[in-house]
């Protein structure tokens, strides 16, 4: 099962962490894993390139664990309101998309959100 934890600060989405294998299909043929990977890279690239905002990410090739931190979603790190809302909005959209997927793939995917200090 893949567990995705989303982090918020004062209600603002700014980071997420993915751990574990979905187990939905064989390695290399797991469409759920492929979907998660594609969406994760879309979020990273959109933040970094489209919004020219700093995004830190770590991808562990052995475990496939991923940690993404976009401090540009937070007022302490970004003055531009529009950029903050865009960055946070992308992460929040991913949160809602994954929650939709959980309805069908609940044996393979779990999603949670936590209010946390900046990770």
Protein backbone atom coordinates (compact mmCIF):
# COMPACT_ATOMS: atom_id res chain seq x y z
CA UNK A 1 0.00 0.00 0.00
CA UNK A 2 1.14 3.52 -0.73
CA UNK A 3 0.50 6.04 2.02
CA UNK A 4 0.48 9.71 1.06
CA UNK A 5 0.66 12.27 3.86
CA UNK A 6 -0.05 15.91 3.06
CA UNK A 7 1.30 18.63 5.30
CA UNK A 8 -0.43 21.93 6.00
CA UNK A 9 0.60 25.01 7.94
CA UNK A 10 -2.26 27.21 9.11
CA UNK A 11 -4.51 25.37 6.67
CA UNK A 12 -2.18 25.86 3.68
CA UNK A 13 -0.95 22.78 1.81
CA UNK A 14 2.83 23.01 1.32
CA UNK A 15 4.28 19.45 1.28
CA UNK A 16 3.55 15.78 0.88
CA UNK A 17 5.26 12.47 1.42
CA UNK A 18 4.63 9.16 -0.34
CA UNK A 19 5.76 5.86 1.18
CA UNK A 20 5.36 2.23 0.20
CA UNK A 21 4.42 0.32 -2.93
CA UNK A 22 0.81 0.22 -4.08
CA UNK A 23 0.94 -3.49 -4.85
CA UNK A 24 -1.82 -3.06 -7.41
CA UNK A 25 0.16 -4.74 -10.20
CA UNK A 26 3.47 -6.36 -11.00
CA UNK A 27 6.56 -4.15 -10.87
CA UNK A 28 6.72 -2.27 -14.15
CA UNK A 29 3.03 -2.90 -14.89
CA UNK A 30 1.45 -1.20 -11.88
CA UNK A 31 -0.82 1.44 -13.41
CA UNK A 32 -1.70 2.94 -10.03
CA UNK A 33 1.98 3.40 -9.19
CA UNK A 34 2.58 4.91 -12.63
CA UNK A 35 -0.30 7.34 -12.13
CA UNK A 36 1.05 8.46 -8.76
CA UNK A 37 4.53 8.94 -10.19
CA UNK A 38 3.24 10.95 -13.15
CA UNK A 39 1.08 13.20 -10.97
CA UNK A 40 3.91 13.74 -8.50
CA UNK A 41 6.33 14.79 -11.22
CA UNK A 42 3.66 17.09 -12.70
CA UNK A 43 3.34 18.85 -9.34
CA UNK A 44 7.12 19.18 -8.95
CA UNK A 45 7.65 20.48 -12.49
CA UNK A 46 4.72 22.89 -12.34
CA UNK A 47 5.95 24.43 -9.09
CA UNK A 48 9.56 24.61 -10.19
CA UNK A 49 9.15 25.64 -13.83
CA UNK A 50 5.68 27.12 -14.37
CA UNK A 51 5.61 29.08 -11.11
CA UNK A 52 9.38 29.59 -10.74
CA UNK A 53 9.10 28.62 -7.10
CA UNK A 54 11.55 26.62 -5.07
CA UNK A 55 10.57 23.01 -4.48
CA UNK A 56 12.69 20.51 -2.63
CA UNK A 57 12.17 16.85 -3.29
CA UNK A 58 13.83 13.60 -2.40
CA UNK A 59 13.15 10.40 -4.33
CA UNK A 60 14.56 7.22 -2.81
CA UNK A 61 15.15 4.91 -5.78
CA UNK A 62 15.33 1.79 -3.57
CA UNK A 63 12.09 2.29 -1.67
CA UNK A 64 10.37 4.71 -4.10
CA UNK A 65 9.58 6.93 -1.12
CA UNK A 66 9.14 10.56 -2.14
CA UNK A 67 9.13 13.74 -0.09
CA UNK A 68 8.13 17.07 -1.68
CA UNK A 69 8.37 20.41 0.13
CA UNK A 70 7.20 23.65 -1.48
CA UNK A 71 7.77 26.39 1.06
CA UNK A 72 6.74 28.93 -1.59
CA UNK A 73 3.16 28.11 -0.61
CA UNK A 74 3.74 29.78 2.75
CA UNK A 75 3.68 33.52 3.51
CA UNK A 76 6.94 33.35 5.48
CA UNK A 77 8.75 32.22 2.31
CA UNK A 78 6.87 33.93 -0.53
CA UNK A 79 5.52 37.49 -0.71
CA UNK A 80 3.60 37.06 -3.96
CA UNK A 81 0.02 36.09 -3.01
CA UNK A 82 -0.80 34.70 -6.46
CA UNK A 83 2.28 32.47 -6.49
CA UNK A 84 1.55 31.18 -2.98
CA UNK A 85 -2.04 30.33 -3.88
CA UNK A 86 -0.96 28.63 -7.11
CA UNK A 87 1.66 26.47 -5.42
CA UNK A 88 -0.59 25.51 -2.53
CA UNK A 89 -3.48 24.98 -4.94
CA UNK A 90 -1.51 22.44 -6.95
CA UNK A 91 -0.72 20.43 -3.85
CA UNK A 92 -4.31 20.70 -2.64
CA UNK A 93 -5.59 19.56 -6.06
CA UNK A 94 -3.33 16.50 -5.79
CA UNK A 95 -4.78 15.82 -2.33
CA UNK A 96 -8.34 15.89 -3.72
CA UNK A 97 -7.39 13.78 -6.75
CA UNK A 98 -5.85 11.10 -4.56
CA UNK A 99 -8.88 11.09 -2.28
CA UNK A 100 -11.00 10.34 -5.35
CA UNK A 101 -8.67 7.46 -6.22
CA UNK A 102 -8.92 6.06 -2.68
CA UNK A 103 -12.63 5.40 -3.26
CA UNK A 104 -11.72 2.77 -5.86
CA UNK A 105 -8.24 1.70 -4.73
CA UNK A 106 -8.67 1.73 -0.93
CA UNK A 107 -6.71 -1.53 -0.58
CA UNK A 108 -3.69 0.02 -2.32
CA UNK A 109 -3.71 3.71 -1.40
CA UNK A 110 -4.29 5.79 1.72
CA UNK A 111 -4.26 9.56 2.08
CA UNK A 112 -4.08 11.72 5.16
CA UNK A 113 -3.51 15.36 5.94
CA UNK A 114 -1.77 16.73 8.99
CA UNK A 115 -1.33 20.21 10.35
CA UNK A 116 2.37 20.38 11.00
CA UNK A 117 5.23 22.66 11.61
CA UNK A 118 7.28 23.14 8.50
CA UNK A 119 8.92 19.82 7.65
